Amino acid sequence: MFALRTTAVALLLAAGLSVASDSPFFRLKETRKNGKVQVLGTNICHSPIVAYVVIFERSNQRTVWHGIYKDGDSLDTGKTVRVGALPDGSYMGRATVSVDYIRLANGTTWGDAQTDEAKAIVAQFRQ
């Protein structure tokens, strides 16, 4: 098992719907629908994802979303999940979305695991 100590950062542009991400495992995409900003995550690696933690920040707002797959369930390669949604606050300025932590089914981890949510997931998998 190895861990890369990098944080993937994706900028959500207030005027557009594009997201750029340098995560080797989880591609983030923003959509706007019915007055909400939705963040979607797609597994772009060759192993299923069993846990993820994503941070959404803008102005003085911070939201942490996470997903844990149990009992043999996982986010398979090429599959997309709705990570989270918030009211559209483009008037609040540019938002930043970062992948704090990813765990693959093969035990590989990626990200800094700086949030309490990520630390709890790391501890859960140590048991």
Protein backbone atom coordinates (compact mmCIF):
# COMPACT_ATOMS: atom_id res chain seq x y z
CA MET A 1 0.00 0.00 0.00
CA PHE A 2 1.25 3.49 -0.73
CA ALA A 3 0.00 6.98 -0.09
CA LEU A 4 0.66 10.01 -2.21
CA ARG A 5 0.87 13.15 -0.11
CA THR A 6 -0.71 15.49 -2.62
CA THR A 7 -3.97 17.34 -2.60
CA ALA A 8 -5.95 17.53 -5.80
CA VAL A 9 -7.44 20.94 -6.30
CA ALA A 10 -10.20 21.75 -8.71
CA LEU A 11 -11.33 25.29 -9.33
CA LEU A 12 -15.01 25.82 -9.90
CA LEU A 13 -15.32 28.95 -11.98
CA ALA A 14 -18.26 31.07 -10.97
CA ALA A 15 -19.06 31.94 -14.58
CA GLY A 16 -18.62 28.47 -16.05
CA LEU A 17 -19.30 24.82 -15.54
CA SER A 18 -15.79 23.52 -16.02
CA VAL A 19 -13.67 21.82 -13.39
CA ALA A 20 -10.00 20.93 -13.68
CA SER A 21 -8.61 18.21 -11.43
CA ASP A 22 -5.21 16.60 -11.13
CA SER A 23 -6.40 13.61 -9.07
CA PRO A 24 -5.15 10.36 -10.60
CA PHE A 25 -8.17 8.46 -9.23
CA PHE A 26 -11.22 10.72 -8.95
CA ARG A 27 -12.31 13.30 -11.54
CA LEU A 28 -14.57 16.06 -10.24
CA LYS A 29 -17.16 17.85 -12.33
CA GLU A 30 -19.53 20.68 -11.47
CA THR A 31 -23.06 21.01 -12.82
CA ARG A 32 -25.68 23.64 -12.12
CA LYS A 33 -29.30 22.60 -12.08
CA ASN A 34 -32.45 24.05 -10.51
CA GLY A 35 -30.50 26.68 -8.57
CA LYS A 36 -28.01 24.19 -7.14
CA VAL A 37 -24.35 23.44 -7.72
CA GLN A 38 -23.81 19.70 -7.90
CA VAL A 39 -20.40 18.09 -7.70
CA LEU A 40 -20.00 14.74 -9.43
CA GLY A 41 -17.04 12.39 -9.00
CA THR A 42 -15.96 9.76 -11.52
CA ASN A 43 -13.61 6.88 -10.78
CA ILE A 44 -10.85 7.20 -13.41
CA CYS A 45 -8.44 4.59 -12.07
CA HIS A 46 -8.20 0.84 -12.65
CA SER A 47 -9.32 -0.16 -9.17
CA PRO A 48 -12.69 0.35 -7.46
CA ILE A 49 -12.95 3.20 -4.93
CA VAL A 50 -14.21 2.22 -1.46
CA ALA A 51 -14.02 5.67 0.20
CA TYR A 52 -13.62 9.33 -0.73
CA VAL A 53 -13.62 12.71 1.01
CA VAL A 54 -14.13 15.96 -0.95
CA ILE A 55 -13.96 19.53 0.41
CA PHE A 56 -15.98 22.38 -1.11
CA GLU A 57 -14.93 25.91 -0.07
CA ARG A 58 -16.03 29.40 -1.12
CA SER A 59 -16.04 32.71 0.72
CA ASN A 60 -16.58 31.71 4.39
CA GLN A 61 -18.40 28.48 3.55
CA ARG A 62 -16.84 25.04 3.90
CA THR A 63 -18.61 21.75 3.27
CA VAL A 64 -17.08 18.28 3.51
CA TRP A 65 -18.68 15.41 1.61
CA HIS A 66 -17.68 11.78 1.93
CA GLY A 67 -18.70 8.36 0.74
CA ILE A 68 -17.87 4.93 2.13
CA TYR A 69 -18.74 1.70 0.36
CA LYS A 70 -19.20 -1.40 2.54
CA ASP A 71 -19.98 -5.08 2.27
CA GLY A 72 -18.13 -5.53 -1.02
CA ASP A 73 -19.78 -2.52 -2.64
CA SER A 74 -17.59 0.06 -4.42
CA LEU A 75 -17.47 2.80 -7.02
CA ASP A 76 -16.28 0.84 -10.03
CA THR A 77 -13.95 2.14 -12.73
CA GLY A 78 -15.74 4.60 -15.02
CA LYS A 79 -18.74 5.00 -12.69
CA THR A 80 -19.91 8.42 -11.47
CA VAL A 81 -21.39 9.39 -8.10
CA ARG A 82 -23.10 12.59 -6.96
CA VAL A 83 -20.66 13.79 -4.31
CA GLY A 84 -22.84 16.62 -3.03
CA ALA A 85 -24.96 19.67 -3.81
CA LEU A 86 -25.37 23.18 -2.45
CA PRO A 87 -27.46 26.21 -3.38
CA ASP A 88 -25.84 28.10 -6.26
CA GLY A 89 -23.78 30.85 -4.66
CA SER A 90 -21.85 32.09 -7.68
CA TYR A 91 -22.39 35.60 -6.32
CA MET A 92 -20.13 34.51 -3.43
CA GLY A 93 -17.15 34.23 -5.75
CA ARG A 94 -14.91 31.42 -6.87
CA ALA A 95 -15.18 28.07 -5.16
CA THR A 96 -12.46 25.49 -4.61
CA VAL A 97 -13.08 21.77 -4.51
CA SER A 98 -10.32 19.48 -3.28
CA VAL A 99 -10.03 15.74 -2.89
CA ASP A 100 -8.87 15.20 0.69
CA TYR A 101 -8.75 11.41 0.65
CA ILE A 102 -9.35 8.42 -1.61
CA ARG A 103 -9.10 4.73 -0.69
CA LEU A 104 -9.13 2.04 -3.34
CA ALA A 105 -10.35 -1.54 -2.91
CA ASN A 106 -6.75 -2.77 -3.25
CA GLY A 107 -5.71 -0.72 -0.16
CA THR A 108 -4.02 2.13 -2.04
CA THR A 109 -4.69 5.55 -0.51
CA TRP A 110 -4.30 9.03 -1.93
CA GLY A 111 -4.54 12.48 -0.38
CA ASP A 112 -3.61 14.21 2.85
CA ALA A 113 -6.63 13.13 4.96
CA GLN A 114 -6.68 16.47 6.79
CA THR A 115 -10.40 16.65 7.64
CA ASP A 116 -11.98 14.95 10.64
CA GLU A 117 -14.13 12.95 8.22
CA ALA A 118 -11.07 11.60 6.39
CA LYS A 119 -9.27 10.79 9.65
CA ALA A 120 -12.31 8.83 10.84
CA ILE A 121 -12.41 6.85 7.59
CA VAL A 122 -8.67 6.09 7.81
CA ALA A 123 -9.19 4.84 11.38
CA GLN A 124 -12.17 2.74 10.31
CA PHE A 125 -10.10 0.91 7.70
CA ARG A 126 -7.29 0.26 10.22
CA GLN A 127 -9.66 -1.87 12.33
